[in-house]
Amino acid sequence: MITSHKTQELLHELIKAFALKKYRLPCSRCIVGNTPLQSTDKQSILHRLRPKVIACFSHFEICKQCERIYWHGDH
């Protein structure tokens, strides 16, 4: 039974209720070529990031096929 009204808690309840943990998370593939994303070191991509992104985010993923950079947050 889903009981939460808070978004984050609700998502956790849904994942548990429907045994979704075994499936890949949304936003785990490149939107251009559907290639799986790989974590990348922030230092290696600093030259490609805007100052606000550098200041506010620390976890990044990259598509090894098209080199597109992704992070969780505003774009």
N, C-alpha and C. Protein backbone atom coordinates (compact mmCIF):
# COMPACT_ATOMS: atom_id res chain seq x y z
N MET A 1 0.84 -1.18 0.00
CA MET A 1 0.00 0.00 0.00
C MET A 1 0.89 1.24 0.00
N ILE A 2 0.58 2.17 -0.87
CA ILE A 2 1.31 3.42 -0.96
C ILE A 2 0.66 4.43 -0.02
N THR A 3 1.46 4.99 0.89
CA THR A 3 0.90 5.88 1.90
C THR A 3 1.47 7.30 1.88
N SER A 4 2.62 7.47 1.31
CA SER A 4 3.28 8.77 1.37
C SER A 4 2.67 9.79 0.42
N HIS A 5 2.81 11.06 0.79
CA HIS A 5 2.39 12.16 -0.07
C HIS A 5 3.59 12.99 -0.50
N LYS A 6 4.76 12.62 0.00
CA LYS A 6 5.99 13.32 -0.37
C LYS A 6 6.61 12.60 -1.56
N THR A 7 7.02 13.35 -2.55
CA THR A 7 7.48 12.78 -3.81
C THR A 7 8.59 11.74 -3.63
N GLN A 8 9.64 12.09 -2.93
CA GLN A 8 10.78 11.18 -2.77
C GLN A 8 10.38 9.90 -2.06
N GLU A 9 9.61 10.02 -1.00
CA GLU A 9 9.15 8.84 -0.25
C GLU A 9 8.20 8.00 -1.11
N LEU A 10 7.35 8.67 -1.86
CA LEU A 10 6.42 7.99 -2.74
C LEU A 10 7.16 7.15 -3.78
N LEU A 11 8.21 7.70 -4.36
CA LEU A 11 9.00 6.95 -5.33
C LEU A 11 9.62 5.71 -4.70
N HIS A 12 10.15 5.86 -3.51
CA HIS A 12 10.75 4.71 -2.81
C HIS A 12 9.70 3.63 -2.54
N GLU A 13 8.52 4.05 -2.14
CA GLU A 13 7.44 3.08 -1.89
C GLU A 13 7.04 2.36 -3.18
N LEU A 14 6.95 3.09 -4.28
CA LEU A 14 6.59 2.47 -5.55
C LEU A 14 7.66 1.48 -6.02
N ILE A 15 8.90 1.86 -5.89
CA ILE A 15 10.00 0.97 -6.28
C ILE A 15 9.95 -0.32 -5.47
N LYS A 16 9.69 -0.18 -4.17
CA LYS A 16 9.60 -1.36 -3.31
C LYS A 16 8.36 -2.19 -3.62
N ALA A 17 7.21 -1.55 -3.77
CA ALA A 17 5.95 -2.25 -3.99
C ALA A 17 5.94 -3.06 -5.29
N PHE A 18 6.59 -2.53 -6.32
CA PHE A 18 6.57 -3.20 -7.61
C PHE A 18 7.90 -3.87 -7.97
N ALA A 19 8.78 -4.01 -6.98
CA ALA A 19 10.09 -4.66 -7.17
C ALA A 19 10.82 -4.10 -8.39
N LEU A 20 10.91 -2.78 -8.44
CA LEU A 20 11.52 -2.11 -9.59
C LEU A 20 13.02 -1.89 -9.45
N LYS A 21 13.57 -2.22 -8.30
CA LYS A 21 14.98 -1.96 -8.05
C LYS A 21 15.88 -2.69 -9.05
N LYS A 22 15.42 -3.82 -9.54
CA LYS A 22 16.23 -4.61 -10.47
C LYS A 22 16.32 -3.97 -11.85
N TYR A 23 15.46 -2.99 -12.13
CA TYR A 23 15.48 -2.33 -13.42
C TYR A 23 16.34 -1.08 -13.38
N ARG A 24 16.86 -0.71 -14.52
CA ARG A 24 17.70 0.49 -14.61
C ARG A 24 16.88 1.73 -14.25
N LEU A 25 17.54 2.67 -13.67
CA LEU A 25 16.89 3.93 -13.30
C LEU A 25 16.58 4.76 -14.54
N PRO A 26 15.55 5.59 -14.45
CA PRO A 26 15.30 6.51 -15.55
C PRO A 26 16.50 7.45 -15.70
N CYS A 27 16.68 7.97 -16.84
CA CYS A 27 17.79 8.89 -17.12
C CYS A 27 19.15 8.20 -17.01
N SER A 28 19.19 6.93 -17.32
CA SER A 28 20.46 6.21 -17.27
C SER A 28 21.02 5.97 -18.66
N ARG A 29 20.34 6.53 -19.67
CA ARG A 29 20.78 6.38 -21.06
C ARG A 29 20.79 7.73 -21.75
N CYS A 30 21.65 7.86 -22.73
CA CYS A 30 21.76 9.09 -23.51
C CYS A 30 20.46 9.33 -24.29
N ILE A 31 19.99 10.56 -24.30
CA ILE A 31 18.76 10.87 -25.03
C ILE A 31 18.99 10.94 -26.54
N VAL A 32 20.24 10.97 -26.97
CA VAL A 32 20.55 11.04 -28.39
C VAL A 32 20.63 9.65 -29.00
N GLY A 33 21.47 8.77 -28.44
CA GLY A 33 21.68 7.46 -29.04
C GLY A 33 21.26 6.28 -28.19
N ASN A 34 20.65 6.55 -27.04
CA ASN A 34 20.19 5.51 -26.13
C ASN A 34 21.32 4.67 -25.55
N THR A 35 22.52 5.20 -25.57
CA THR A 35 23.69 4.53 -25.02
C THR A 35 23.69 4.64 -23.50
N PRO A 36 24.05 3.58 -22.77
CA PRO A 36 24.13 3.69 -21.30
C PRO A 36 25.14 4.75 -20.89
N LEU A 37 24.78 5.55 -19.89
CA LEU A 37 25.67 6.59 -19.39
C LEU A 37 26.68 6.00 -18.41
N GLN A 38 27.85 6.63 -18.34
CA GLN A 38 28.89 6.20 -17.42
C GLN A 38 29.29 7.37 -16.54
N SER A 39 29.52 7.08 -15.27
CA SER A 39 30.00 8.13 -14.37
C SER A 39 31.34 8.65 -14.87
N THR A 40 31.54 9.94 -14.67
CA THR A 40 32.81 10.54 -15.07
C THR A 40 33.30 11.49 -13.99
N ASP A 41 34.58 11.67 -13.92
CA ASP A 41 35.21 12.54 -12.93
C ASP A 41 35.00 14.01 -13.31
N LYS A 42 34.55 14.79 -12.37
CA LYS A 42 34.27 16.20 -12.61
C LYS A 42 35.50 16.93 -13.15
N GLN A 43 36.66 16.61 -12.62
CA GLN A 43 37.89 17.29 -13.03
C GLN A 43 38.17 17.12 -14.52
N SER A 44 37.79 15.96 -15.06
CA SER A 44 38.10 15.68 -16.46
C SER A 44 37.19 16.42 -17.45
N ILE A 45 36.11 17.01 -16.94
CA ILE A 45 35.17 17.71 -17.83
C ILE A 45 34.96 19.18 -17.44
N LEU A 46 35.74 19.67 -16.50
CA LEU A 46 35.57 21.06 -16.03
C LEU A 46 35.56 22.06 -17.18
N HIS A 47 36.40 21.87 -18.15
CA HIS A 47 36.51 22.81 -19.27
C HIS A 47 35.24 22.86 -20.13
N ARG A 48 34.35 21.92 -19.95
CA ARG A 48 33.10 21.86 -20.73
C ARG A 48 31.88 22.32 -19.93
N LEU A 49 32.07 22.67 -18.66
CA LEU A 49 30.95 23.03 -17.79
C LEU A 49 30.86 24.53 -17.57
N ARG A 50 29.63 25.03 -17.39
CA ARG A 50 29.41 26.43 -17.05
C ARG A 50 29.76 26.64 -15.57
N PRO A 51 30.16 27.86 -15.20
CA PRO A 51 30.52 28.14 -13.80
C PRO A 51 29.44 27.74 -12.79
N LYS A 52 28.17 28.01 -13.09
CA LYS A 52 27.09 27.66 -12.15
C LYS A 52 27.02 26.14 -11.94
N VAL A 53 27.20 25.39 -13.01
CA VAL A 53 27.16 23.93 -12.92
C VAL A 53 28.34 23.43 -12.10
N ILE A 54 29.50 24.01 -12.31
CA ILE A 54 30.70 23.63 -11.54
C ILE A 54 30.47 23.87 -10.06
N ALA A 55 29.86 25.01 -9.73
CA ALA A 55 29.64 25.38 -8.33
C ALA A 55 28.56 24.54 -7.65
N CYS A 56 27.55 24.12 -8.39
CA CYS A 56 26.38 23.51 -7.78
C CYS A 56 26.29 21.98 -7.86
N PHE A 57 27.05 21.36 -8.73
CA PHE A 57 26.89 19.92 -8.94
C PHE A 57 28.23 19.20 -8.86
N SER A 58 28.20 17.96 -8.40
CA SER A 58 29.45 17.21 -8.26
C SER A 58 29.43 15.85 -8.95
N HIS A 59 28.24 15.33 -9.25
CA HIS A 59 28.15 14.02 -9.90
C HIS A 59 27.74 14.20 -11.36
N PHE A 60 28.54 13.63 -12.26
CA PHE A 60 28.28 13.76 -13.68
C PHE A 60 28.37 12.41 -14.36
N GLU A 61 27.63 12.30 -15.45
CA GLU A 61 27.69 11.11 -16.28
C GLU A 61 27.89 11.56 -17.72
N ILE A 62 28.47 10.67 -18.51
CA ILE A 62 28.78 11.02 -19.89
C ILE A 62 28.41 9.88 -20.81
N CYS A 63 28.00 10.24 -22.01
CA CYS A 63 27.76 9.25 -23.05
C CYS A 63 29.08 9.07 -23.79
N LYS A 64 29.62 7.89 -23.78
CA LYS A 64 30.90 7.63 -24.43
C LYS A 64 30.78 7.67 -25.95
N GLN A 65 29.56 7.58 -26.46
CA GLN A 65 29.37 7.60 -27.91
C GLN A 65 29.37 9.03 -28.47
N CYS A 66 28.58 9.92 -27.87
CA CYS A 66 28.47 11.29 -28.40
C CYS A 66 29.15 12.33 -27.50
N GLU A 67 29.66 11.91 -26.33
CA GLU A 67 30.36 12.78 -25.38
C GLU A 67 29.45 13.82 -24.72
N ARG A 68 28.14 13.62 -24.78
CA ARG A 68 27.20 14.51 -24.11
C ARG A 68 27.32 14.31 -22.60
N ILE A 69 27.28 15.40 -21.83
CA ILE A 69 27.42 15.35 -20.37
C ILE A 69 26.06 15.54 -19.72
N TYR A 70 25.82 14.73 -18.68
CA TYR A 70 24.55 14.79 -17.93
C TYR A 70 24.84 14.99 -16.44
N TRP A 71 23.91 15.64 -15.76
CA TRP A 71 23.94 15.77 -14.30
C TRP A 71 22.52 15.88 -13.82
N HIS A 72 22.30 15.58 -12.57
CA HIS A 72 20.95 15.65 -12.00
C HIS A 72 20.73 17.05 -11.48
N GLY A 73 19.76 17.72 -12.04
CA GLY A 73 19.46 19.08 -11.61
C GLY A 73 18.99 19.92 -12.77
N ASP A 74 19.13 21.24 -12.62
CA ASP A 74 18.64 22.13 -13.68
C ASP A 74 19.56 22.08 -14.89
N HIS A 75 19.00 22.41 -16.03
CA HIS A 75 19.78 22.44 -17.27
C HIS A 75 19.45 23.70 -18.05
